Amino acid sequence: MLRNRGCFEEGMAKFYIACVIEALQFLHSQQIVYRDLKPENCLLDAQGYLKLTDFGFSK
């Protein structure tokens, strides 16, 4: 999606950032440290929510 557009509109960027923050807060509450945050590990589900993937480096 980002490759096609070049950048996100501000509202969309805020939404995706909020998704990342919520995911990281949840992982932290489960005592999991996610150590591989990069665009390639952020996928969108069918409803447009961002999901983190690749927990290989997590502790």
Foldseek 3Di string as FASTA:
>chain_A
DCVVVVDDDPVLVVQQVVLVVVVCVVCVVVVKDQDDDDPVQWDADPVGGTDGDDRPVMD
